[in-house]
């Protein structure tokens, strides 16, 4: 997890909306669980706000249902902030 956080920090991704490897967004469900929703199906009124990378880190650290989910660690480490994308372009 520390490696994923370090990569997210290096990529300036903490404030960005977390996007999964297949383009899905993440929200918190009614029972406190993490829900993956495709971008095409996402509706803020129905699903609530999409989680940022930092919020996903907090969920991974402090939500007992997510404590050992390796998917979240991968997503956290793979996100890139817009400033880094702009630098690359």
Protein backbone atom coordinates (compact mmCIF):
# COMPACT_ATOMS: atom_id res chain seq x y z
CA UNK A 1 0.00 0.00 0.00
CA UNK A 2 2.84 2.40 0.78
CA UNK A 3 4.26 1.86 -2.71
CA UNK A 4 0.88 2.67 -4.27
CA UNK A 5 0.57 5.85 -2.19
CA UNK A 6 4.10 6.89 -3.16
CA UNK A 7 3.29 6.43 -6.86
CA UNK A 8 0.05 8.42 -6.47
CA UNK A 9 1.97 11.21 -4.74
CA UNK A 10 4.68 11.21 -7.43
CA UNK A 11 1.95 11.33 -10.09
CA UNK A 12 0.12 14.16 -8.25
CA UNK A 13 -3.07 12.11 -8.28
CA UNK A 14 -4.45 12.56 -4.74
CA UNK A 15 -7.10 15.13 -5.70
CA UNK A 16 -8.15 13.45 -8.93
CA UNK A 17 -11.22 11.24 -9.36
CA UNK A 18 -10.09 7.63 -8.98
CA UNK A 19 -10.49 5.73 -12.24
CA UNK A 20 -10.14 1.95 -12.36
CA UNK A 21 -8.15 -0.06 -14.86
CA UNK A 22 -11.27 -0.53 -17.00
CA UNK A 23 -12.49 3.05 -16.75
CA UNK A 24 -14.83 2.57 -13.81
CA UNK A 25 -15.48 5.11 -11.06
CA UNK A 26 -15.78 4.33 -7.36
CA UNK A 27 -18.49 5.40 -4.91
CA UNK A 28 -19.48 4.40 -1.39
CA UNK A 29 -22.63 2.28 -1.28
CA UNK A 30 -25.43 2.45 1.28
CA UNK A 31 -23.73 -0.18 3.45
CA UNK A 32 -20.34 1.56 3.36
CA UNK A 33 -18.97 -0.75 0.70
CA UNK A 34 -17.09 0.43 -2.37
CA UNK A 35 -19.08 0.28 -5.59
CA UNK A 36 -17.51 0.25 -9.06
CA UNK A 37 -19.60 1.99 -11.71
CA UNK A 38 -18.87 2.39 -15.41
CA UNK A 39 -18.54 5.99 -16.52
CA UNK A 40 -21.48 5.56 -18.90
CA UNK A 41 -23.77 4.36 -16.08
CA UNK A 42 -22.61 6.88 -13.48
CA UNK A 43 -25.21 9.35 -12.18
CA UNK A 44 -24.21 11.56 -9.25
CA UNK A 45 -27.80 11.81 -8.00
CA UNK A 46 -28.19 8.03 -8.00
CA UNK A 47 -24.68 6.93 -6.97
CA UNK A 48 -23.37 9.87 -4.96
CA UNK A 49 -20.03 11.57 -5.57
CA UNK A 50 -17.22 9.64 -7.21
CA UNK A 51 -14.25 9.07 -4.89
CA UNK A 52 -10.93 10.81 -5.37
CA UNK A 53 -7.69 8.88 -5.13
CA UNK A 54 -7.18 10.27 -1.62
CA UNK A 55 -10.67 9.18 -0.55
CA UNK A 56 -10.00 5.73 -1.99
CA UNK A 57 -6.79 5.57 0.08
CA UNK A 58 -8.79 6.47 3.19
CA UNK A 59 -11.37 3.78 2.40
CA UNK A 60 -8.63 1.22 1.84
CA UNK A 61 -6.96 2.11 5.16
CA UNK A 62 -9.94 2.57 7.46
CA UNK A 63 -12.91 0.68 6.02
CA UNK A 64 -12.75 -2.90 7.37
CA UNK A 65 -14.52 -4.28 4.30
CA UNK A 66 -11.75 -2.90 2.06
CA UNK A 67 -8.70 -3.59 4.22
CA UNK A 68 -7.24 -6.33 2.03
CA UNK A 69 -8.60 -5.45 -1.39
CA UNK A 70 -5.63 -5.54 -3.80
CA UNK A 71 -7.75 -3.99 -6.57
CA UNK A 72 -7.87 -0.66 -4.74
CA UNK A 73 -4.11 -0.68 -4.21
CA UNK A 74 -3.57 -1.15 -7.95
CA UNK A 75 -6.03 1.63 -8.82
CA UNK A 76 -4.39 4.02 -6.34
CA UNK A 77 -0.93 3.39 -7.75
CA UNK A 78 -1.99 3.67 -11.39
CA UNK A 79 -3.83 7.02 -11.31
CA UNK A 80 -2.11 10.09 -12.73
CA UNK A 81 -2.91 13.73 -12.03
CA UNK A 82 -3.81 16.18 -14.78
CA UNK A 83 -0.67 18.25 -14.14
CA UNK A 84 1.51 15.22 -14.90
CA UNK A 85 -0.52 14.45 -18.02
CA UNK A 86 -0.09 18.08 -19.16
CA UNK A 87 3.66 17.88 -18.49
CA UNK A 88 3.87 14.74 -20.59
CA UNK A 89 1.96 16.25 -23.49
